[in-house]
Amino acid sequence: MKSSEERWLLDLRASARGDSRAYDLLRSLTDEVGPRFSGTPGEAAAVQWALEAMRRAGLANVRTEAAPTVLWSRGDERGGVAERVELLSPRRERLVATALGSSVGTVGGAVEAQVVEATSMEEIDRLGRARLEGKILYLHHVMPRLRDGTGYNAGGWARTAGASRAAKHGAVGFVIRSIATHSLRIAHTGILHYDGDAPKIPAAALSPPDGDLLHRLLADGGRVRLAMELGCRPLHAGESFNVLGEIPGTDLADQIVLFGAHLDSWDVGRGAVDDGAGCVMALEVARMIGALPKRPRRTLRIALFANEELGAGGGRAYAEAHAGEASRHYAAMEADQSDGAPWALRVPEHRRDSPASKRLAALLAPLHLELDPGPARGGVDVGPLHARGVPFVDLRQDATRYFDLQHSANDVLENVVREELDAATGAFATTVALLLHMDESLR
């Protein structure tokens, strides 16, 4: 990249700070559309919103692509929402809880049982059927607050797999301390997956203080009983839609740089943090690059994916629909940690010492981005492209406060900082612009 091109990269970064429309777009998405849970009217409205936003941003080839998905409802068959987790002994108190996504509901009223605690998946197995049969398993996992967000790896696995692990040993219910980094009385939902060889039992997340209460009561040796009543239920298979648009390239137009985020959100908040911020950054990156006097060499494709939260159907559908052009993808990246400041760059592991990676790192150095030694992993949405040989580039965002908000009722516009969103938009815009113009290969 020549020095003249480096100068317009600086102009692009300055534009993101001074002329970004990301926050106003996010306000439109969260205020006018609101929650965007798969299969709901909110999701359908979001698809129409995204199509119009792409057209206003000047993208070409704006379209939808079908993404089959499994649907789930938090409410009961009568349309109500029954979510009750109540401490019965040693005293009575209604606890703050929310059903985990894909959980079955309780049948014929509440499940009432003694509580047994485990602090890890391995401990569930050590407790075994002798301790867990007929009981409600409480999994006490405290997620650490880390800039890189890696505490979510173990926490997310515990939430996803814990119910089936407990059910294999005879448990009749599963509750987990919310996978979150705060101590507020707010519960965080999230997906679970049932194993085919285990009974399906109702599963919910407790607010961190309510989980801590159970932990203390059980540590004191008392007999703790809970009642669980969940009205949730799986629904028929449905169809969602990915929304795509492009900025066509010039001499390397046949090569694609894919930049995406997920359009859907959980139903408990308004999806500003997860992942409305990523969606509006993607839209703004495309608008700003399209407005530059110098057109990109490669084609920029923006993808707002469906159904990330409840099974990643959008990412899989994209990988299948575009399998024939996988070799045309120069690189893929996504944004899914709100307005967190990017602090590190990751590239394909086998290309870390390549001229392309070194050049990319050198040009991004003014943004205080360090070249991280770990391999780029993409994310949930672009992840299915890995098997098809598509190189990933990651900007690691600061996740220090992200997990205070994700998957909760506090996922709202007020918890996104305009200045930080603009700065993150500038970092992504600069990185994407470099990928669109570099001579060197990342494969």
Protein backbone atom coordinates (compact mmCIF):
# COMPACT_ATOMS: atom_id res chain seq x y z
CA MET A 1 0.00 0.00 0.00
CA LYS A 2 1.39 3.36 -1.09
CA SER A 3 1.66 6.42 1.12
CA SER A 4 -1.19 8.20 -0.69
CA GLU A 5 -3.46 5.28 0.16
CA GLU A 6 -2.27 5.35 3.73
CA ARG A 7 -3.41 8.96 3.91
CA TRP A 8 -6.95 8.15 2.86
CA LEU A 9 -7.00 5.46 5.53
CA LEU A 10 -6.33 8.17 8.07
CA ASP A 11 -9.12 10.23 6.52
CA LEU A 12 -11.43 7.24 6.83
CA ARG A 13 -10.62 6.86 10.53
CA ALA A 14 -11.22 10.59 11.11
CA SER A 15 -14.53 10.35 9.26
CA ALA A 16 -15.66 7.56 11.58
CA ARG A 17 -15.07 9.81 14.57
CA GLY A 18 -16.56 12.97 13.10
CA ASP A 19 -19.26 11.81 10.70
CA SER A 20 -20.34 8.41 11.99
CA ARG A 21 -24.06 7.69 11.87
CA ALA A 22 -23.70 4.45 13.80
CA TYR A 23 -25.34 5.60 17.03
CA ASP A 24 -28.33 7.12 15.24
CA LEU A 25 -28.74 3.91 13.25
CA LEU A 26 -28.63 1.94 16.48
CA ARG A 27 -31.26 4.19 18.02
CA SER A 28 -33.47 3.56 14.99
CA LEU A 29 -33.00 -0.21 15.23
CA THR A 30 -33.66 -0.48 18.95
CA ASP A 31 -36.43 2.13 19.23
CA GLU A 32 -38.34 1.41 16.03
CA VAL A 33 -37.83 -2.36 15.83
CA GLY A 34 -36.86 -3.42 19.36
CA PRO A 35 -36.20 -7.08 20.27
CA ARG A 36 -35.50 -9.27 17.24
CA PHE A 37 -35.90 -12.84 18.42
CA SER A 38 -35.99 -15.54 15.75
CA GLY A 39 -39.44 -16.20 14.36
CA THR A 40 -41.08 -13.15 15.90
CA PRO A 41 -42.63 -10.08 14.22
CA GLY A 42 -39.66 -8.12 15.58
CA GLU A 43 -37.26 -10.21 13.55
CA ALA A 44 -39.34 -9.77 10.40
CA ALA A 45 -39.40 -6.02 10.97
CA ALA A 46 -35.62 -6.04 11.44
CA VAL A 47 -35.11 -7.70 8.06
CA GLN A 48 -37.09 -4.93 6.38
CA TRP A 49 -35.20 -2.32 8.41
CA ALA A 50 -31.87 -3.81 7.32
CA LEU A 51 -32.85 -3.89 3.64
CA GLU A 52 -33.77 -0.21 3.74
CA ALA A 53 -30.67 0.72 5.76
CA MET A 54 -28.42 -0.99 3.20
CA ARG A 55 -30.09 0.82 0.34
CA ARG A 56 -29.74 4.17 2.11
CA ALA A 57 -26.05 3.39 2.71
CA GLY A 58 -25.56 3.01 -1.04
CA LEU A 59 -24.98 -0.74 -1.16
CA ALA A 60 -25.62 -2.70 -4.35
CA ASN A 61 -27.09 -6.20 -4.78
CA VAL A 62 -29.16 -5.77 -1.60
CA ARG A 63 -31.11 -8.96 -0.96
CA THR A 64 -32.27 -11.57 1.51
CA GLU A 65 -31.25 -15.22 1.63
CA ALA A 66 -33.27 -17.85 3.46
CA ALA A 67 -31.88 -19.32 6.67
CA PRO A 68 -33.88 -22.29 8.01
CA THR A 69 -34.02 -22.35 11.78
CA VAL A 70 -35.55 -24.03 14.81
CA LEU A 71 -37.87 -21.75 16.77
CA TRP A 72 -38.69 -21.52 20.48
CA SER A 73 -41.12 -19.57 22.62
CA ARG A 74 -40.57 -18.31 26.16
CA GLY A 75 -44.34 -18.22 26.68
CA ASP A 76 -46.86 -20.98 27.25
CA GLU A 77 -49.50 -22.13 24.77
CA ARG A 78 -51.94 -19.48 26.03
CA GLY A 79 -49.47 -16.71 25.22
CA GLY A 80 -48.46 -16.02 28.81
CA VAL A 81 -44.91 -16.09 30.14
CA ALA A 82 -44.53 -18.35 33.14
CA GLU A 83 -41.05 -18.10 34.63
CA ARG A 84 -41.03 -18.84 38.34
CA VAL A 85 -38.12 -20.09 40.36
CA GLU A 86 -38.96 -19.91 44.05
CA LEU A 87 -37.00 -20.80 47.14
CA LEU A 88 -39.24 -23.01 49.30
CA SER A 89 -36.88 -23.86 52.16
CA PRO A 90 -35.20 -22.97 54.44
CA ARG A 91 -37.54 -19.99 53.77
CA ARG A 92 -39.71 -18.73 50.93
CA GLU A 93 -38.57 -16.15 48.40
CA ARG A 94 -39.23 -15.60 44.71
CA LEU A 95 -35.86 -15.61 42.91
CA VAL A 96 -34.94 -13.62 39.80
CA ALA A 97 -34.62 -16.12 36.98
CA THR A 98 -35.17 -16.59 33.26
CA ALA A 99 -35.51 -19.69 31.13
CA LEU A 100 -32.55 -20.73 28.98
CA GLY A 101 -33.18 -20.72 25.25
CA SER A 102 -34.48 -24.06 23.90
CA SER A 103 -35.48 -25.23 27.38
CA VAL A 104 -38.54 -27.40 27.70
CA GLY A 105 -41.27 -26.17 30.01
CA THR A 106 -42.56 -27.79 33.14
CA VAL A 107 -45.52 -30.12 32.64
CA GLY A 108 -48.53 -30.20 34.95
CA GLY A 109 -47.40 -27.41 37.24
CA ALA A 110 -44.17 -26.62 38.99
CA VAL A 111 -41.29 -29.01 39.59
CA GLU A 112 -40.44 -29.02 43.30
CA ALA A 113 -37.30 -30.74 44.55
CA GLN A 114 -34.30 -30.58 46.81
CA VAL A 115 -31.31 -28.70 45.40
CA VAL A 116 -27.83 -30.16 44.99
CA GLU A 117 -24.91 -27.95 43.96
CA ALA A 118 -22.00 -28.57 41.62
CA THR A 119 -19.27 -26.08 40.77
CA SER A 120 -18.11 -27.71 37.53
CA MET A 121 -19.22 -30.13 34.87
CA GLU A 122 -16.81 -32.71 36.26
CA GLU A 123 -18.41 -32.43 39.68
CA ILE A 124 -21.82 -33.22 38.18
CA ASP A 125 -20.41 -36.57 37.09
CA ARG A 126 -18.79 -37.15 40.48
CA LEU A 127 -22.11 -36.56 42.23
CA GLY A 128 -23.71 -39.17 39.99
CA ARG A 129 -27.17 -40.68 40.16
CA ALA A 130 -26.89 -41.45 43.87
CA ARG A 131 -26.91 -37.71 44.69
CA LEU A 132 -28.82 -36.23 41.76
CA GLU A 133 -31.76 -38.49 41.01
CA GLY A 134 -34.99 -36.59 41.59
CA LYS A 135 -33.11 -33.40 42.49
CA ILE A 136 -32.67 -29.96 40.95
CA LEU A 137 -29.02 -29.36 40.08
CA TYR A 138 -27.67 -25.88 40.76
CA LEU A 139 -24.44 -25.16 38.85
CA HIS A 140 -22.43 -22.46 40.62
CA HIS A 141 -20.08 -21.03 38.01
CA VAL A 142 -18.66 -17.55 38.63
CA MET A 143 -17.48 -15.95 35.40
CA PRO A 144 -14.33 -13.81 35.67
CA ARG A 145 -14.20 -10.28 34.26
CA LEU A 146 -11.49 -10.30 31.57
CA ARG A 147 -10.64 -7.86 28.81
CA ASP A 148 -10.46 -10.63 26.23
CA GLY A 149 -13.77 -12.16 27.31
CA THR A 150 -12.35 -15.68 27.45
CA GLY A 151 -14.16 -16.36 30.71
CA TYR A 152 -17.21 -16.90 28.53
CA ASN A 153 -15.69 -20.03 27.03
CA ALA A 154 -16.10 -22.18 30.13
CA GLY A 155 -19.23 -20.36 31.25
CA GLY A 156 -20.98 -20.71 27.93
CA TRP A 157 -20.18 -24.42 27.79
CA ALA A 158 -21.53 -24.95 31.31
CA ARG A 159 -24.78 -23.19 30.40
CA THR A 160 -25.07 -24.99 27.06
CA ALA A 161 -24.35 -28.54 28.22
CA GLY A 162 -25.11 -28.52 31.95
CA ALA A 163 -28.79 -29.52 31.80
CA SER A 164 -28.18 -32.70 29.82
CA ARG A 165 -25.18 -33.60 31.97
CA ALA A 166 -27.39 -33.34 35.08
CA ALA A 167 -30.29 -35.16 33.44
CA LYS A 168 -28.10 -38.16 32.63
CA HIS A 169 -27.75 -38.64 36.38
CA GLY A 170 -31.47 -38.32 37.07
CA ALA A 171 -31.87 -34.61 37.86
CA VAL A 172 -35.37 -33.23 37.23
CA GLY A 173 -34.39 -29.58 36.84
CA PHE A 174 -31.33 -27.41 36.19
CA VAL A 175 -30.50 -23.89 37.33
CA ILE A 176 -27.24 -22.03 36.78
CA ARG A 177 -25.80 -18.78 38.07
CA SER A 178 -26.13 -16.36 35.14
CA ILE A 179 -23.09 -16.33 32.89
CA ALA A 180 -22.35 -12.68 33.62
CA THR A 181 -19.67 -10.50 35.20
CA HIS A 182 -21.75 -8.34 37.56
CA SER A 183 -23.50 -8.76 40.90
CA LEU A 184 -26.82 -7.14 39.97
CA ARG A 185 -30.17 -8.87 40.41
CA ILE A 186 -30.67 -9.41 36.69
CA ALA A 187 -30.84 -12.81 35.03
CA HIS A 188 -29.11 -13.58 31.72
CA THR A 189 -30.56 -16.04 29.25
CA GLY A 190 -28.64 -17.93 26.55
CA ILE A 191 -28.87 -21.08 24.48
CA LEU A 192 -28.70 -24.63 25.79
CA HIS A 193 -28.39 -27.83 23.79
CA TYR A 194 -29.97 -31.11 24.81
CA ASP A 195 -28.09 -34.34 24.18
CA GLY A 196 -30.07 -36.95 22.31
CA ASP A 197 -29.31 -39.63 24.90
CA ALA A 198 -30.54 -37.70 27.96
CA PRO A 199 -34.00 -36.65 29.18
CA LYS A 200 -34.95 -33.04 28.50
CA ILE A 201 -35.36 -31.19 31.80
CA PRO A 202 -36.40 -27.55 32.42
CA ALA A 203 -33.47 -25.17 32.71
CA ALA A 204 -33.14 -21.57 33.92
CA ALA A 205 -30.52 -18.98 34.85
CA LEU A 206 -30.57 -17.19 38.20
CA SER A 207 -29.38 -13.65 38.77
CA PRO A 208 -25.86 -13.71 40.24
CA PRO A 209 -26.99 -12.64 43.75
CA ASP A 210 -29.69 -15.30 43.81
CA GLY A 211 -27.21 -17.93 42.71
CA ASP A 212 -24.85 -16.76 45.42
CA LEU A 213 -27.68 -17.05 47.95
CA LEU A 214 -28.20 -20.71 47.04
CA HIS A 215 -24.45 -21.26 47.23
CA ARG A 216 -24.28 -19.87 50.78
CA LEU A 217 -27.35 -21.75 51.99
CA LEU A 218 -26.00 -25.02 50.64
CA ALA A 219 -22.53 -24.34 52.04
CA ASP A 220 -24.13 -23.96 55.48
CA GLY A 221 -25.37 -27.52 55.20
CA GLY A 222 -29.03 -26.69 55.11
CA ARG A 223 -31.70 -28.51 53.12
CA VAL A 224 -32.63 -26.26 50.20
CA ARG A 225 -35.74 -26.80 48.07
CA LEU A 226 -36.82 -24.97 44.94
CA ALA A 227 -39.93 -24.77 42.82
CA MET A 228 -39.49 -24.27 39.06
CA GLU A 229 -42.30 -23.37 36.68
CA LEU A 230 -41.42 -22.56 33.08
CA GLY A 231 -43.97 -22.00 30.32
CA CYS A 232 -41.50 -22.18 27.44
CA ARG A 233 -41.79 -24.63 24.57
CA PRO A 234 -40.11 -25.52 21.28
CA LEU A 235 -41.96 -24.58 18.11
CA HIS A 236 -41.99 -25.94 14.58
CA ALA A 237 -39.05 -25.37 12.29
CA GLY A 238 -39.20 -21.98 10.64
CA GLU A 239 -37.40 -19.70 8.23
CA SER A 240 -35.33 -16.62 8.89
CA PHE A 241 -33.37 -14.46 6.48
CA ASN A 242 -29.83 -13.20 6.15
CA VAL A 243 -29.62 -9.69 4.67
CA LEU A 244 -26.76 -9.00 2.23
CA GLY A 245 -25.46 -6.00 0.33
CA GLU A 246 -22.24 -5.13 -1.50
CA ILE A 247 -19.84 -2.41 -2.54
CA PRO A 248 -18.53 -3.77 -5.88
CA GLY A 249 -14.78 -3.79 -6.39
CA THR A 250 -12.66 -2.78 -9.36
CA ASP A 251 -9.65 -4.76 -10.62
CA LEU A 252 -10.08 -7.49 -7.97
CA ALA A 253 -13.89 -7.40 -7.92
CA ASP A 254 -14.09 -11.20 -8.12
CA GLN A 255 -12.56 -11.41 -4.62
CA ILE A 256 -14.82 -10.85 -1.61
CA VAL A 257 -14.12 -9.37 1.80
CA LEU A 258 -17.01 -10.45 4.02
CA PHE A 259 -17.86 -8.36 7.08
CA GLY A 260 -20.85 -9.32 9.19
CA ALA A 261 -22.81 -9.18 12.41
CA HIS A 262 -25.99 -10.88 13.58
CA LEU A 263 -29.32 -9.13 13.22
CA ASP A 264 -31.31 -11.24 15.67
CA SER A 265 -31.33 -10.67 19.43
CA TRP A 266 -32.70 -12.24 22.56
CA ASP A 267 -36.23 -11.33 23.57
CA VAL A 268 -35.40 -10.04 27.06
CA GLY A 269 -33.66 -6.81 25.97
CA ARG A 270 -33.61 -4.64 22.85
CA GLY A 271 -30.47 -6.02 21.24
CA ALA A 272 -28.37 -2.85 21.30
CA VAL A 273 -25.25 -4.46 22.72
CA ASP A 274 -25.74 -7.92 21.22
CA ASP A 275 -25.53 -7.35 18.35
CA GLY A 276 -27.15 -4.16 17.17
CA ALA A 277 -23.84 -2.37 17.63
CA GLY A 278 -22.13 -4.80 15.28
CA CYS A 279 -24.89 -4.41 12.69
CA VAL A 280 -24.68 -0.62 12.58
CA MET A 281 -20.88 -0.71 12.49
CA ALA A 282 -21.08 -2.99 9.45
CA LEU A 283 -23.55 -0.66 7.76
CA GLU A 284 -21.42 2.39 8.53
CA VAL A 285 -18.22 0.72 7.36
CA ALA A 286 -19.91 0.03 4.02
CA ARG A 287 -21.32 3.55 3.72
CA MET A 288 -18.00 5.23 4.46
CA ILE A 289 -15.99 2.98 2.14
CA GLY A 290 -18.57 3.45 -0.60
CA ALA A 291 -18.33 7.23 -0.23
CA LEU A 292 -14.55 7.33 -0.70
CA PRO A 293 -13.30 8.83 -3.97
CA LYS A 294 -11.19 5.71 -4.53
CA ARG A 295 -13.35 2.62 -5.09
CA PRO A 296 -12.23 -0.62 -3.40
CA ARG A 297 -10.26 -3.14 -5.40
CA ARG A 298 -12.09 -6.10 -3.92
CA THR A 299 -15.84 -6.42 -3.41
CA LEU A 300 -17.05 -5.67 0.10
CA ARG A 301 -19.97 -7.86 1.15
CA ILE A 302 -21.93 -6.97 4.27
CA ALA A 303 -23.97 -9.78 5.83
CA LEU A 304 -26.42 -9.32 8.69
CA PHE A 305 -27.01 -12.87 9.83
CA ALA A 306 -30.18 -14.46 11.18
CA ASN A 307 -30.68 -16.76 14.15
CA GLU A 308 -27.25 -16.52 15.75
CA GLU A 309 -28.64 -16.70 19.26
CA LEU A 310 -30.82 -19.76 18.86
CA GLY A 311 -28.65 -22.08 16.83
CA ALA A 312 -26.48 -20.14 14.34
CA GLY A 313 -28.78 -21.01 11.43
CA GLY A 314 -27.84 -17.88 9.49
CA GLY A 315 -24.12 -18.58 9.47
CA ARG A 316 -24.61 -22.17 8.37
CA ALA A 317 -27.06 -21.14 5.67
CA TYR A 318 -24.59 -18.59 4.27
CA ALA A 319 -21.76 -21.13 4.17
CA GLU A 320 -23.96 -23.61 2.32
CA ALA A 321 -25.43 -21.08 -0.10
CA HIS A 322 -21.98 -19.70 -1.00
CA ALA A 323 -19.98 -22.93 -0.96
CA GLY A 324 -19.29 -22.57 -4.65
CA GLU A 325 -17.63 -19.18 -4.17
CA ALA A 326 -15.72 -19.94 -0.96
CA SER A 327 -12.42 -19.66 -2.83
CA ARG A 328 -13.38 -16.12 -3.85
CA HIS A 329 -13.49 -14.97 -0.21
CA TYR A 330 -10.26 -13.09 0.42
CA ALA A 331 -11.11 -12.77 4.14
CA ALA A 332 -14.07 -12.87 6.53
CA MET A 333 -14.58 -11.05 9.82
CA GLU A 334 -17.41 -10.11 12.15
CA ALA A 335 -18.23 -7.73 14.99
CA ASP A 336 -20.07 -9.15 18.01
CA GLN A 337 -18.86 -7.42 21.18
CA SER A 338 -20.77 -4.15 21.11
CA ASP A 339 -18.80 -0.89 21.37
CA GLY A 340 -15.73 -2.48 22.96
CA ALA A 341 -12.50 -0.85 21.82
CA PRO A 342 -10.50 -3.12 19.47
CA TRP A 343 -7.12 -3.81 21.06
CA ALA A 344 -5.59 -6.67 19.09
CA LEU A 345 -5.44 -8.08 15.58
CA ARG A 346 -5.53 -11.77 14.77
CA VAL A 347 -4.74 -13.31 11.41
CA PRO A 348 -4.67 -16.92 10.15
CA GLU A 349 -2.13 -18.78 12.26
CA HIS A 350 -0.14 -20.12 9.32
CA ARG A 351 0.08 -16.60 7.85
CA ARG A 352 1.10 -14.73 10.98
CA ASP A 353 4.64 -14.10 9.69
CA SER A 354 3.61 -13.52 6.09
CA PRO A 355 4.17 -10.21 4.26
CA ALA A 356 0.39 -9.64 4.22
CA SER A 357 0.03 -9.99 8.00
CA LYS A 358 3.08 -7.87 8.75
CA ARG A 359 1.87 -5.15 6.43
CA LEU A 360 -1.61 -5.22 7.91
CA ALA A 361 -0.21 -4.97 11.45
CA ALA A 362 2.12 -2.11 10.52
CA LEU A 363 -0.65 -0.07 8.95
CA LEU A 364 -2.96 -0.65 11.93
CA ALA A 365 -0.29 0.24 14.50
CA PRO A 366 -1.54 3.88 14.75
CA LEU A 367 -4.79 2.45 16.15
CA HIS A 368 -2.79 0.82 18.98
CA LEU A 369 -3.69 -2.64 17.74
CA GLU A 370 -1.14 -5.30 18.62
CA LEU A 371 -0.65 -8.45 16.56
CA ASP A 372 -2.00 -11.19 18.77
CA PRO A 373 -0.15 -14.54 18.59
CA GLY A 374 -3.36 -16.55 18.67
CA PRO A 375 -5.10 -17.73 15.49
CA ALA A 376 -8.05 -15.82 14.05
CA ARG A 377 -11.21 -17.80 14.76
CA GLY A 378 -13.89 -15.66 13.16
CA GLY A 379 -17.10 -15.92 15.17
CA VAL A 380 -20.34 -17.87 15.37
CA ASP A 381 -21.65 -16.49 12.08
CA VAL A 382 -18.60 -16.68 9.82
CA GLY A 383 -17.25 -19.74 11.65
CA PRO A 384 -18.86 -22.29 9.28
CA LEU A 385 -16.70 -20.87 6.47
CA HIS A 386 -13.55 -22.21 8.16
CA ALA A 387 -14.15 -25.71 6.84
CA ARG A 388 -14.29 -24.24 3.34
CA GLY A 389 -10.86 -22.64 3.63
CA VAL A 390 -11.90 -18.99 4.04
CA PRO A 391 -9.24 -16.98 5.96
CA PHE A 392 -10.41 -15.08 9.03
CA VAL A 393 -9.22 -11.74 10.37
CA ASP A 394 -10.27 -10.80 13.91
CA LEU A 395 -10.30 -7.50 15.73
CA ARG A 396 -10.37 -8.45 19.39
CA GLN A 397 -12.62 -6.02 21.23
CA ASP A 398 -12.46 -5.04 24.87
CA ALA A 399 -15.05 -7.24 26.61
CA THR A 400 -14.52 -5.86 30.12
CA ARG A 401 -18.16 -4.78 30.52
CA TYR A 402 -19.79 -6.66 27.65
CA PHE A 403 -20.92 -9.59 29.79
CA ASP A 404 -22.59 -7.24 32.27
CA LEU A 405 -25.17 -6.63 29.56
CA GLN A 406 -25.29 -9.46 27.04
CA HIS A 407 -28.43 -11.67 26.99
CA SER A 408 -30.19 -9.56 29.62
CA ALA A 409 -32.89 -6.93 30.04
CA ASN A 410 -30.07 -4.37 30.26
CA ASP A 411 -29.14 -4.89 26.61
CA VAL A 412 -30.46 -1.45 25.66
CA LEU A 413 -29.30 1.65 23.81
CA GLU A 414 -28.47 3.49 27.02
CA ASN A 415 -25.64 1.05 27.67
CA VAL A 416 -23.85 1.78 24.38
CA VAL A 417 -21.45 4.74 24.47
CA ARG A 418 -21.61 6.86 21.32
CA GLU A 419 -17.95 7.88 21.36
CA GLU A 420 -16.77 4.32 21.88
CA LEU A 421 -19.06 3.03 19.14
CA ASP A 422 -17.63 5.61 16.73
CA ALA A 423 -14.04 4.70 17.65
CA ALA A 424 -14.74 0.98 17.14
CA THR A 425 -16.42 1.77 13.82
CA GLY A 426 -13.26 3.60 12.73
CA ALA A 427 -11.05 0.65 13.64
CA PHE A 428 -13.22 -1.81 11.71
CA ALA A 429 -13.52 0.56 8.73
CA THR A 430 -9.75 0.97 8.53
CA THR A 431 -9.13 -2.77 8.77
CA VAL A 432 -11.76 -3.63 6.17
CA ALA A 433 -10.40 -0.95 3.82
CA LEU A 434 -6.94 -2.44 4.09
CA LEU A 435 -8.25 -5.91 3.30
CA LEU A 436 -10.01 -4.52 0.25
CA HIS A 437 -6.80 -3.02 -1.17
CA MET A 438 -3.86 -5.21 -0.12
CA ASP A 439 -1.73 -6.89 -2.77
CA GLU A 440 -0.62 -9.80 -0.57
CA SER A 441 -2.64 -12.98 -0.06
CA LEU A 442 -3.86 -14.22 3.35
CA ARG A 443 -4.31 -17.81 2.17
